[in-house]
C-alpha cells in the first residue's frame, strides 16, 4: 500500500491560490455591507416614502429603488453586480443624511 500524499489535504495547500483576489472580494463585500447600512438607515427614516416634502428619506425618484435595495442581503447584492453598483451609488448620495440621522437623531 502506497503512502498518501499530503499535497492536496494539508490546510496550507487548501488556501486560495489568489490571495489578492480574495482580499479584493472581502473589501467589496465590506463596501456593499456598509452601503446597505446607509440605505437601511434612510429607509427606516423614510416613513412617508416621499409623499411629504420634509427632506427626510429618499427622494421621490429614489424611494422605490432605495427601499427595494435596502431589503437585499449582502450575498444577494454581491451575486448581482448591477445591484451592488446601484447600492453603492445610492448610498453615496444619501450618506450625509444617514450620518445626521445616526449621530444627531435628526428627523
PDB file of N, CA and C in Angstrom:
ATOM      1  N   UNK A   1       0.838  -1.168   0.000  1.00  0.00           N
ATOM      2  CA  UNK A   1       0.000   0.000   0.000  1.00  0.00           C
ATOM      3  C   UNK A   1       0.891   1.242   0.000  1.00  0.00           C
ATOM      4  N   UNK A   2       0.610   2.174  -0.892  1.00  0.00           N
ATOM      5  CA  UNK A   2       1.453   3.367  -1.002  1.00  0.00           C
ATOM      6  C   UNK A   2       1.029   4.420   0.018  1.00  0.00           C
ATOM      7  N   UNK A   3       1.973   5.283   0.351  1.00  0.00           N
ATOM      8  CA  UNK A   3       1.672   6.354   1.282  1.00  0.00           C
ATOM      9  C   UNK A   3       0.813   7.410   0.602  1.00  0.00           C
ATOM     10  N   UNK A   4      -0.053   7.986   1.376  1.00  0.00           N
ATOM     11  CA  UNK A   4      -0.968   9.000   0.851  1.00  0.00           C
ATOM     12  C   UNK A   4      -0.264  10.358   0.815  1.00  0.00           C
ATOM     13  N   UNK A   5      -0.381  11.049  -0.300  1.00  0.00           N
ATOM     14  CA  UNK A   5       0.238  12.357  -0.450  1.00  0.00           C
ATOM     15  C   UNK A   5      -0.528  13.403   0.371  1.00  0.00           C
ATOM     16  N   UNK A   6       0.206  14.291   0.994  1.00  0.00           N
ATOM     17  CA  UNK A   6      -0.422  15.386   1.748  1.00  0.00           C
ATOM     18  C   UNK A   6      -0.515  16.651   0.899  1.00  0.00           C
ATOM     19  N   UNK A   7      -0.162  16.548  -0.353  1.00  0.00           N
ATOM     20  CA  UNK A   7      -0.136  17.712  -1.233  1.00  0.00           C
ATOM     21  C   UNK A   7      -1.494  18.420  -1.293  1.00  0.00           C
ATOM     22  N   UNK A   8      -2.572  17.664  -1.369  1.00  0.00           N
ATOM     23  CA  UNK A   8      -3.886  18.264  -1.529  1.00  0.00           C
ATOM     24  C   UNK A   8      -4.695  18.309  -0.234  1.00  0.00           C
ATOM     25  N   UNK A   9      -4.204  17.684   0.799  1.00  0.00           N
ATOM     26  CA  UNK A   9      -5.003  17.634   2.020  1.00  0.00           C
ATOM     27  C   UNK A   9      -4.505  18.569   3.109  1.00  0.00           C
ATOM     28  N   UNK A  10      -3.315  19.102   2.974  1.00  0.00           N
ATOM     29  CA  UNK A  10      -2.836  19.982   4.044  1.00  0.00           C
ATOM     30  C   UNK A  10      -3.593  21.309   4.006  1.00  0.00           C
ATOM     31  N   UNK A  11      -3.767  21.888   5.166  1.00  0.00           N
ATOM     32  CA  UNK A  11      -4.502  23.148   5.291  1.00  0.00           C
ATOM     33  C   UNK A  11      -3.816  24.246   4.482  1.00  0.00           C
ATOM     34  N   UNK A  12      -2.515  24.266   4.497  1.00  0.00           N
ATOM     35  CA  UNK A  12      -1.769  25.287   3.768  1.00  0.00           C
ATOM     36  C   UNK A  12      -2.077  25.231   2.279  1.00  0.00           C
ATOM     37  N   UNK A  13      -2.190  24.042   1.730  1.00  0.00           N
ATOM     38  CA  UNK A  13      -2.456  23.905   0.298  1.00  0.00           C
ATOM     39  C   UNK A  13      -3.908  24.154  -0.064  1.00  0.00           C
ATOM     40  N   UNK A  14      -4.798  24.205   0.913  1.00  0.00           N
ATOM     41  CA  UNK A  14      -6.201  24.449   0.614  1.00  0.00           C
ATOM     42  C   UNK A  14      -6.529  25.936   0.542  1.00  0.00           C
ATOM     43  N   UNK A  15      -5.592  26.778   0.934  1.00  0.00           N
ATOM     44  CA  UNK A  15      -5.815  28.213   0.846  1.00  0.00           C
ATOM     45  C   UNK A  15      -5.886  28.621  -0.622  1.00  0.00           C
ATOM     46  N   UNK A  16      -6.525  29.728  -0.864  1.00  0.00           N
ATOM     47  CA  UNK A  16      -6.699  30.197  -2.228  1.00  0.00           C
ATOM     48  C   UNK A  16      -5.352  30.439  -2.899  1.00  0.00           C
ATOM     49  N   UNK A  17      -5.335  30.184  -4.162  1.00  0.00           N
ATOM     50  CA  UNK A  17      -4.124  30.461  -4.935  1.00  0.00           C
ATOM     51  C   UNK A  17      -4.084  31.923  -5.364  1.00  0.00           C
ATOM     52  N   UNK A  18      -5.154  32.676  -5.063  1.00  0.00           N
ATOM     53  CA  UNK A  18      -5.251  34.069  -5.466  1.00  0.00           C
ATOM     54  C   UNK A  18      -5.585  34.944  -4.260  1.00  0.00           C
ATOM     55  N   UNK A  19      -4.624  35.149  -3.339  1.00  0.00           N
ATOM     56  CA  UNK A  19      -4.935  35.919  -2.136  1.00  0.00           C
ATOM     57  C   UNK A  19      -5.337  37.355  -2.432  1.00  0.00           C
ATOM     58  N   UNK A  20      -4.781  37.959  -3.482  1.00  0.00           N
ATOM     59  CA  UNK A  20      -5.154  39.329  -3.822  1.00  0.00           C
ATOM     60  C   UNK A  20      -6.609  39.405  -4.252  1.00  0.00           C
ATOM     61  N   UNK A  21      -7.056  38.408  -4.999  1.00  0.00           N
ATOM     62  CA  UNK A  21      -8.448  38.370  -5.445  1.00  0.00           C
ATOM     63  C   UNK A  21      -9.383  38.173  -4.255  1.00  0.00           C
ATOM     64  N   UNK A  22      -8.981  37.321  -3.320  1.00  0.00           N
ATOM     65  CA  UNK A  22      -9.783  37.097  -2.114  1.00  0.00           C
ATOM     66  C   UNK A  22      -9.868  38.376  -1.285  1.00  0.00           C
ATOM     67  N   UNK A  23      -8.754  39.100  -1.183  1.00  0.00           N
ATOM     68  CA  UNK A  23      -8.729  40.350  -0.428  1.00  0.00           C
ATOM     69  C   UNK A  23      -9.635  41.386  -1.092  1.00  0.00           C
ATOM     70  N   UNK A  24      -9.596  41.474  -2.402  1.00  0.00           N
ATOM     71  CA  UNK A  24     -10.455  42.399  -3.132  1.00  0.00           C
ATOM     72  C   UNK A  24     -11.920  42.042  -2.937  1.00  0.00           C
ATOM     73  N   UNK A  25     -12.237  40.773  -2.972  1.00  0.00           N
ATOM     74  CA  UNK A  25     -13.614  40.317  -2.752  1.00  0.00           C
ATOM     75  C   UNK A  25     -14.081  40.684  -1.344  1.00  0.00           C
ATOM     76  N   UNK A  26     -13.210  40.535  -0.368  1.00  0.00           N
ATOM     77  CA  UNK A  26     -13.546  40.902   1.003  1.00  0.00           C
ATOM     78  C   UNK A  26     -13.789  42.399   1.147  1.00  0.00           C
ATOM     79  N   UNK A  27     -12.985  43.190   0.465  1.00  0.00           N
ATOM     80  CA  UNK A  27     -13.181  44.649   0.515  1.00  0.00           C
ATOM     81  C   UNK A  27     -14.471  45.050  -0.177  1.00  0.00           C
ATOM     82  N   UNK A  28     -14.792  44.394  -1.289  1.00  0.00           N
ATOM     83  CA  UNK A  28     -16.067  44.673  -1.971  1.00  0.00           C
ATOM     84  C   UNK A  28     -17.249  44.323  -1.080  1.00  0.00           C
ATOM     85  N   UNK A  29     -17.160  43.184  -0.441  1.00  0.00           N
ATOM     86  CA  UNK A  29     -18.230  42.739   0.464  1.00  0.00           C
ATOM     87  C   UNK A  29     -18.419  43.745   1.597  1.00  0.00           C
ATOM     88  N   UNK A  30     -17.322  44.241   2.161  1.00  0.00           N
ATOM     89  CA  UNK A  30     -17.397  45.222   3.240  1.00  0.00           C
ATOM     90  C   UNK A  30     -18.000  46.534   2.738  1.00  0.00           C
ATOM     91  N   UNK A  31     -17.607  46.978   1.543  1.00  0.00           N
ATOM     92  CA  UNK A  31     -18.144  48.202   0.955  1.00  0.00           C
ATOM     93  C   UNK A  31     -19.648  48.088   0.729  1.00  0.00           C
ATOM     94  N   UNK A  32     -20.078  46.970   0.157  1.00  0.00           N
ATOM     95  CA  UNK A  32     -21.508  46.762  -0.090  1.00  0.00           C
ATOM     96  C   UNK A  32     -22.266  46.683   1.235  1.00  0.00           C
ATOM     97  N   UNK A  33     -21.702  46.010   2.226  1.00  0.00           N
ATOM     98  CA  UNK A  33     -22.342  45.922   3.542  1.00  0.00           C
ATOM     99  C   UNK A  33     -22.517  47.293   4.184  1.00  0.00           C
ATOM    100  N   UNK A  34     -21.482  48.133   4.100  1.00  0.00           N
ATOM    101  CA  UNK A  34     -21.576  49.484   4.655  1.00  0.00           C
ATOM    102  C   UNK A  34     -22.587  50.322   3.878  1.00  0.00           C
ATOM    103  N   UNK A  35     -22.603  50.190   2.564  1.00  0.00           N
ATOM    104  CA  UNK A  35     -23.566  50.927   1.740  1.00  0.00           C
ATOM    105  C   UNK A  35     -24.996  50.487   2.067  1.00  0.00           C
ATOM    106  N   UNK A  36     -25.195  49.206   2.299  1.00  0.00           N
ATOM    107  CA  UNK A  36     -26.521  48.723   2.689  1.00  0.00           C
ATOM    108  C   UNK A  36     -26.951  49.298   4.033  1.00  0.00           C
ATOM    109  N   UNK A  37     -25.995  49.465   4.950  1.00  0.00           N
ATOM    110  CA  UNK A  37     -26.337  50.077   6.234  1.00  0.00           C
ATOM    111  C   UNK A  37     -26.847  51.500   6.045  1.00  0.00           C
ATOM    112  N   UNK A  38     -26.203  52.245   5.149  1.00  0.00           N
ATOM    113  CA  UNK A  38     -26.646  53.608   4.849  1.00  0.00           C
ATOM    114  C   UNK A  38     -28.075  53.577   4.308  1.00  0.00           C
ATOM    115  N   UNK A  39     -28.336  52.697   3.345  1.00  0.00           N
ATOM    116  CA  UNK A  39     -29.669  52.629   2.756  1.00  0.00           C
ATOM    117  C   UNK A  39     -30.715  52.218   3.788  1.00  0.00           C
ATOM    118  N   UNK A  40     -30.355  51.341   4.698  1.00  0.00           N
ATOM    119  CA  UNK A  40     -31.311  50.901   5.726  1.00  0.00           C
ATOM    120  C   UNK A  40     -31.623  52.019   6.728  1.00  0.00           C
ATOM    121  N   UNK A  41     -30.633  52.838   7.028  1.00  0.00           N
ATOM    122  CA  UNK A  41     -30.871  53.991   7.898  1.00  0.00           C
ATOM    123  C   UNK A  41     -31.862  54.938   7.227  1.00  0.00           C
ATOM    124  N   UNK A  42     -31.636  55.219   5.947  1.00  0.00           N
ATOM    125  CA  UNK A  42     -32.516  56.131   5.205  1.00  0.00           C
ATOM    126  C   UNK A  42     -33.906  55.526   5.069  1.00  0.00           C
ATOM    127  N   UNK A  43     -33.978  54.242   4.730  1.00  0.00           N
ATOM    128  CA  UNK A  43     -35.278  53.578   4.575  1.00  0.00           C
ATOM    129  C   UNK A  43     -36.054  53.596   5.888  1.00  0.00           C
ATOM    130  N   UNK A  44     -35.352  53.437   6.993  1.00  0.00           N
ATOM    131  CA  UNK A  44     -36.000  53.462   8.294  1.00  0.00           C
ATOM    132  C   UNK A  44     -36.564  54.828   8.663  1.00  0.00           C
ATOM    133  N   UNK A  45     -35.948  55.877   8.140  1.00  0.00           N
ATOM    134  CA  UNK A  45     -36.412  57.239   8.419  1.00  0.00           C
ATOM    135  C   UNK A  45     -37.425  57.720   7.378  1.00  0.00           C
ATOM    136  N   UNK A  46     -37.538  56.977   6.290  1.00  0.00           N
ATOM    137  CA  UNK A  46     -38.391  57.383   5.165  1.00  0.00           C
ATOM    138  C   UNK A  46     -39.806  56.810   5.338  1.00  0.00           C
ATOM    139  N   UNK A  47     -40.480  57.244   6.375  1.00  0.00           N
ATOM    140  CA  UNK A  47     -41.796  56.688   6.693  1.00  0.00           C
ATOM    141  C   UNK A  47     -42.872  57.087   5.689  1.00  0.00           C
ATOM    142  N   UNK A  48     -42.739  58.272   5.104  1.00  0.00           N
ATOM    143  CA  UNK A  48     -43.773  58.739   4.173  1.00  0.00           C
ATOM    144  C   UNK A  48     -43.478  58.369   2.721  1.00  0.00           C
ATOM    145  N   UNK A  49     -42.318  57.818   2.453  1.00  0.00           N
ATOM    146  CA  UNK A  49     -41.872  57.431   1.111  1.00  0.00           C
ATOM    147  C   UNK A  49     -42.075  58.568   0.108  1.00  0.00           C
ATOM    148  N   UNK A  50     -41.561  59.742   0.469  1.00  0.00           N
ATOM    149  CA  UNK A  50     -41.521  60.942  -0.375  1.00  0.00           C
ATOM    150  C   UNK A  50     -42.896  61.519  -0.679  1.00  0.00           C
ATOM    151  N   UNK A  51     -43.877  61.241   0.149  1.00  0.00           N
ATOM    152  CA  UNK A  51     -45.200  61.834  -0.055  1.00  0.00           C
ATOM    153  C   UNK A  51     -45.258  63.245   0.518  1.00  0.00           C
ATOM    154  N   UNK A  52     -44.388  63.523   1.497  1.00  0.00           N
ATOM    155  CA  UNK A  52     -44.306  64.862   2.073  1.00  0.00           C
ATOM    156  C   UNK A  52     -42.947  65.458   1.742  1.00  0.00           C
ATOM    157  N   UNK A  53     -42.930  66.748   1.517  1.00  0.00           N
ATOM    158  CA  UNK A  53     -41.680  67.440   1.235  1.00  0.00           C
ATOM    159  C   UNK A  53     -41.043  67.839   2.569  1.00  0.00           C
ATOM    160  N   UNK A  54     -40.353  66.880   3.207  1.00  0.00           N
ATOM    161  CA  UNK A  54     -39.798  67.125   4.536  1.00  0.00           C
ATOM    162  C   UNK A  54     -38.292  66.926   4.611  1.00  0.00           C
ATOM    163  N   UNK A  55     -37.657  66.582   3.502  1.00  0.00           N
ATOM    164  CA  UNK A  55     -36.209  66.416   3.498  1.00  0.00           C
ATOM    165  C   UNK A  55     -35.711  65.190   4.230  1.00  0.00           C
ATOM    166  N   UNK A  56     -36.610  64.264   4.511  1.00  0.00           N
ATOM    167  CA  UNK A  56     -36.243  63.050   5.242  1.00  0.00           C
ATOM    168  C   UNK A  56     -36.448  61.845   4.341  1.00  0.00           C
ATOM    169  N   UNK A  57     -35.451  60.997   4.273  1.00  0.00           N
ATOM    170  CA  UNK A  57     -35.579  59.770   3.489  1.00  0.00           C
ATOM    171  C   UNK A  57     -35.198  59.964   2.037  1.00  0.00           C
ATOM    172  N   UNK A  58     -35.576  58.989   1.248  1.00  0.00           N
ATOM    173  CA  UNK A  58     -35.256  59.011  -0.184  1.00  0.00           C
ATOM    174  C   UNK A  58     -36.096  60.055  -0.904  1.00  0.00           C
ATOM    175  N   UNK A  59     -35.559  60.552  -2.022  1.00  0.00           N
ATOM    176  CA  UNK A  59     -36.332  61.470  -2.856  1.00  0.00           C
ATOM    177  C   UNK A  59     -37.417  60.678  -3.581  1.00  0.00           C
ATOM    178  N   UNK A  60     -38.335  61.384  -4.198  1.00  0.00           N
ATOM    179  CA  UNK A  60     -39.434  60.722  -4.902  1.00  0.00           C
ATOM    180  C   UNK A  60     -38.905  59.777  -5.980  1.00  0.00           C
ATOM    181  N   UNK A  61     -37.876  60.203  -6.672  1.00  0.00           N
ATOM    182  CA  UNK A  61     -37.299  59.371  -7.735  1.00  0.00           C
ATOM    183  C   UNK A  61     -36.528  58.160  -7.231  1.00  0.00           C
ATOM    184  N   UNK A  62     -36.052  58.224  -5.999  1.00  0.00           N
ATOM    185  CA  UNK A  62     -35.226  57.144  -5.447  1.00  0.00           C
ATOM    186  C   UNK A  62     -35.964  56.233  -4.480  1.00  0.00           C
ATOM    187  N   UNK A  63     -37.157  56.600  -4.074  1.00  0.00           N
ATOM    188  CA  UNK A  63     -37.798  55.888  -2.961  1.00  0.00           C
ATOM    189  C   UNK A  63     -38.079  54.418  -3.260  1.00  0.00           C
ATOM    190  N   UNK A  64     -38.607  54.104  -4.427  1.00  0.00           N
ATOM    191  CA  UNK A  64     -38.905  52.700  -4.747  1.00  0.00           C
ATOM    192  C   UNK A  64     -37.630  51.874  -4.819  1.00  0.00           C
ATOM    193  N   UNK A  65     -36.649  52.377  -5.548  1.00  0.00           N
ATOM    194  CA  UNK A  65     -35.378  51.668  -5.677  1.00  0.00           C
ATOM    195  C   UNK A  65     -34.668  51.571  -4.335  1.00  0.00           C
ATOM    196  N   UNK A  66     -34.660  52.660  -3.583  1.00  0.00           N
ATOM    197  CA  UNK A  66     -33.979  52.667  -2.289  1.00  0.00           C
ATOM    198  C   UNK A  66     -34.542  51.646  -1.319  1.00  0.00           C
ATOM    199  N   UNK A  67     -35.858  51.569  -1.241  1.00  0.00           N
ATOM    200  CA  UNK A  67     -36.477  50.597  -0.329  1.00  0.00           C
ATOM    201  C   UNK A  67     -36.245  49.164  -0.814  1.00  0.00           C
ATOM    202  N   UNK A  68     -36.301  48.957  -2.115  1.00  0.00           N
ATOM    203  CA  UNK A  68     -36.065  47.611  -2.655  1.00  0.00           C
ATOM    204  C   UNK A  68     -34.629  47.168  -2.394  1.00  0.00           C
ATOM    205  N   UNK A  69     -33.666  48.053  -2.664  1.00  0.00           N
ATOM    206  CA  UNK A  69     -32.258  47.696  -2.458  1.00  0.00           C
ATOM    207  C   UNK A  69     -31.927  47.530  -0.982  1.00  0.00           C
ATOM    208  N   UNK A  70     -32.532  48.330  -0.122  1.00  0.00           N
ATOM    209  CA  UNK A  70     -32.219  48.235   1.313  1.00  0.00           C
ATOM    210  C   UNK A  70     -32.673  46.913   1.913  1.00  0.00           C
ATOM    211  N   UNK A  71     -33.590  46.227   1.241  1.00  0.00           N
ATOM    212  CA  UNK A  71     -34.087  44.939   1.734  1.00  0.00           C
ATOM    213  C   UNK A  71     -33.192  43.763   1.324  1.00  0.00           C
ATOM    214  N   UNK A  72     -32.212  44.003   0.447  1.00  0.00           N
ATOM    215  CA  UNK A  72     -31.330  42.923  -0.002  1.00  0.00           C
ATOM    216  C   UNK A  72     -30.302  42.576   1.076  1.00  0.00           C
ATOM    217  N   UNK A  73     -29.833  41.350   1.041  1.00  0.00           N
ATOM    218  CA  UNK A  73     -28.716  40.951   1.892  1.00  0.00           C
ATOM    219  C   UNK A  73     -27.426  41.230   1.133  1.00  0.00           C
ATOM    220  N   UNK A  74     -26.315  41.197   1.834  1.00  0.00           N
ATOM    221  CA  UNK A  74     -25.017  41.394   1.176  1.00  0.00           C
ATOM    222  C   UNK A  74     -24.807  40.315   0.118  1.00  0.00           C
ATOM    223  N   UNK A  75     -25.184  39.078   0.434  1.00  0.00           N
ATOM    224  CA  UNK A  75     -25.000  37.974  -0.511  1.00  0.00           C
ATOM    225  C   UNK A  75     -25.815  38.195  -1.779  1.00  0.00           C
ATOM    226  N   UNK A  76     -27.054  38.649  -1.627  1.00  0.00           N
ATOM    227  CA  UNK A  76     -27.888  38.921  -2.801  1.00  0.00           C
ATOM    228  C   UNK A  76     -27.287  40.043  -3.644  1.00  0.00           C
ATOM    229  N   UNK A  77     -26.817  41.082  -2.991  1.00  0.00           N
ATOM    230  CA  UNK A  77     -26.225  42.200  -3.718  1.00  0.00           C
ATOM    231  C   UNK A  77     -24.932  41.789  -4.414  1.00  0.00           C
ATOM    232  N   UNK A  78     -24.123  40.966  -3.757  1.00  0.00           N
ATOM    233  CA  UNK A  78     -22.852  40.540  -4.339  1.00  0.00           C
ATOM    234  C   UNK A  78     -23.046  39.594  -5.517  1.00  0.00           C
ATOM    235  N   UNK A  79     -24.162  38.864  -5.531  1.00  0.00           N
ATOM    236  CA  UNK A  79     -24.393  37.926  -6.635  1.00  0.00           C
ATOM    237  C   UNK A  79     -24.813  38.641  -7.906  1.00  0.00           C
ATOM    238  N   UNK A  80     -25.221  39.885  -7.768  1.00  0.00           N
ATOM    239  CA  UNK A  80     -25.657  40.673  -8.923  1.00  0.00           C
ATOM    240  C   UNK A  80     -24.854  41.974  -8.933  1.00  0.00           C
ATOM    241  N   UNK A  81     -23.898  42.077  -9.825  1.00  0.00           N
ATOM    242  CA  UNK A  81     -23.034  43.252  -9.874  1.00  0.00           C
ATOM    243  C   UNK A  81     -23.790  44.548 -10.078  1.00  0.00           C
ATOM    244  N   UNK A  82     -24.883  44.486 -10.812  1.00  0.00           N
ATOM    245  CA  UNK A  82     -25.679  45.682 -11.065  1.00  0.00           C
ATOM    246  C   UNK A  82     -26.295  46.212  -9.781  1.00  0.00           C
ATOM    247  N   UNK A  83     -26.830  45.326  -8.962  1.00  0.00           N
ATOM    248  CA  UNK A  83     -27.413  45.741  -7.683  1.00  0.00           C
ATOM    249  C   UNK A  83     -26.348  46.313  -6.767  1.00  0.00           C
ATOM    250  N   UNK A  84     -25.186  45.694  -6.728  1.00  0.00           N
ATOM    251  CA  UNK A  84     -24.106  46.175  -5.874  1.00  0.00           C
ATOM    252  C   UNK A  84     -23.711  47.595  -6.269  1.00  0.00           C
ATOM    253  N   UNK A  85     -23.582  47.844  -7.563  1.00  0.00           N
ATOM    254  CA  UNK A  85     -23.229  49.189  -8.021  1.00  0.00           C
ATOM    255  C   UNK A  85     -24.316  50.200  -7.653  1.00  0.00           C
ATOM    256  N   UNK A  86     -25.564  49.831  -7.852  1.00  0.00           N
ATOM    257  CA  UNK A  86     -26.669  50.737  -7.522  1.00  0.00           C
ATOM    258  C   UNK A  86     -26.701  51.041  -6.019  1.00  0.00           C
ATOM    259  N   UNK A  87     -26.455  50.030  -5.203  1.00  0.00           N
ATOM    260  CA  UNK A  87     -26.435  50.213  -3.747  1.00  0.00           C
ATOM    261  C   UNK A  87     -25.353  51.209  -3.358  1.00  0.00           C
ATOM    262  N   UNK A  88     -24.177  51.039  -3.910  1.00  0.00           N
ATOM    263  CA  UNK A  88     -23.058  51.926  -3.585  1.00  0.00           C
ATOM    264  C   UNK A  88     -23.345  53.352  -4.048  1.00  0.00           C
ATOM    265  N   UNK A  89     -23.833  53.506  -5.268  1.00  0.00           N
ATOM    266  CA  UNK A  89     -24.115  54.848  -5.794  1.00  0.00           C
ATOM    267  C   UNK A  89     -25.211  55.548  -4.992  1.00  0.00           C
ATOM    268  N   UNK A  90     -26.253  54.833  -4.647  1.00  0.00           N
ATOM    269  CA  UNK A  90     -27.344  55.422  -3.880  1.00  0.00           C
ATOM    270  C   UNK A  90     -26.880  55.771  -2.460  1.00  0.00           C
ATOM    271  N   UNK A  91     -26.062  54.917  -1.879  1.00  0.00           N
ATOM    272  CA  UNK A  91     -25.540  55.190  -0.540  1.00  0.00           C
ATOM    273  C   UNK A  91     -24.673  56.439  -0.543  1.00  0.00           C
ATOM    274  N   UNK A  92     -23.891  56.631  -1.588  1.00  0.00           N
ATOM    275  CA  UNK A  92     -23.071  57.837  -1.675  1.00  0.00           C
ATOM    276  C   UNK A  92     -23.935  59.091  -1.741  1.00  0.00           C
ATOM    277  N   UNK A  93     -25.070  58.992  -2.369  1.00  0.00           N
ATOM    278  CA  UNK A  93     -25.988  60.126  -2.477  1.00  0.00           C
ATOM    279  C   UNK A  93     -26.603  60.481  -1.121  1.00  0.00           C
ATOM    280  N   UNK A  94     -26.816  59.483  -0.258  1.00  0.00           N
ATOM    281  CA  UNK A  94     -27.540  59.699   0.996  1.00  0.00           C
ATOM    282  C   UNK A  94     -26.691  59.577   2.249  1.00  0.00           C
ATOM    283  N   UNK A  95     -25.388  59.449   2.106  1.00  0.00           N
ATOM    284  CA  UNK A  95     -24.543  59.198   3.273  1.00  0.00           C
ATOM    285  C   UNK A  95     -24.573  60.351   4.272  1.00  0.00           C
ATOM    286  N   UNK A  96     -24.644  61.587   3.805  1.00  0.00           N
ATOM    287  CA  UNK A  96     -24.682  62.729   4.731  1.00  0.00           C
ATOM    288  C   UNK A  96     -25.955  62.694   5.586  1.00  0.00           C
ATOM    289  N   UNK A  97     -27.078  62.422   4.947  1.00  0.00           N
ATOM    290  CA  UNK A  97     -28.341  62.348   5.685  1.00  0.00           C
ATOM    291  C   UNK A  97     -28.305  61.202   6.700  1.00  0.00           C
ATOM    292  N   UNK A  98     -27.764  60.064   6.292  1.00  0.00           N
ATOM    293  CA  UNK A  98     -27.666  58.914   7.199  1.00  0.00           C
ATOM    294  C   UNK A  98     -26.784  59.257   8.398  1.00  0.00           C
ATOM    295  N   UNK A  99     -25.695  59.970   8.142  1.00  0.00           N
ATOM    296  CA  UNK A  99     -24.801  60.375   9.229  1.00  0.00           C
ATOM    297  C   UNK A  99     -25.541  61.282  10.217  1.00  0.00           C
ATOM    298  N   UNK A 100     -26.306  62.232   9.691  1.00  0.00           N
ATOM    299  CA  UNK A 100     -27.065  63.125  10.561  1.00  0.00           C
ATOM    300  C   UNK A 100     -28.099  62.365  11.382  1.00  0.00           C
ATOM    301  N   UNK A 101     -28.757  61.413  10.762  1.00  0.00           N
ATOM    302  CA  UNK A 101     -29.755  60.610  11.478  1.00  0.00           C
ATOM    303  C   UNK A 101     -29.092  59.825  12.604  1.00  0.00           C
ATOM    304  N   UNK A 102     -27.967  59.189  12.296  1.00  0.00           N
ATOM    305  CA  UNK A 102     -27.284  58.344  13.279  1.00  0.00           C
ATOM    306  C   UNK A 102     -26.659  59.136  14.416  1.00  0.00           C
ATOM    307  N   UNK A 103     -26.018  60.247  14.092  1.00  0.00           N
ATOM    308  CA  UNK A 103     -25.263  60.954  15.127  1.00  0.00           C
ATOM    309  C   UNK A 103     -26.076  61.957  15.917  1.00  0.00           C
ATOM    310  N   UNK A 104     -27.056  62.562  15.281  1.00  0.00           N
ATOM    311  CA  UNK A 104     -27.807  63.615  15.941  1.00  0.00           C
ATOM    312  C   UNK A 104     -29.260  63.239  16.202  1.00  0.00           C
ATOM    313  N   UNK A 105     -29.666  62.109  15.723  1.00  0.00           N
ATOM    314  CA  UNK A 105     -31.049  61.706  15.908  1.00  0.00           C
ATOM    315  C   UNK A 105     -32.022  62.652  15.224  1.00  0.00           C
ATOM    316  N   UNK A 106     -31.526  63.297  14.164  1.00  0.00           N
ATOM    317  CA  UNK A 106     -32.373  64.238  13.431  1.00  0.00           C
ATOM    318  C   UNK A 106     -33.455  63.502  12.671  1.00  0.00           C
ATOM    319  N   UNK A 107     -34.467  64.213  12.388  1.00  0.00           N
ATOM    320  CA  UNK A 107     -35.617  63.745  11.598  1.00  0.00           C
ATOM    321  C   UNK A 107     -36.410  62.816  12.437  1.00  0.00           C
TER     322      UNK A 107
END
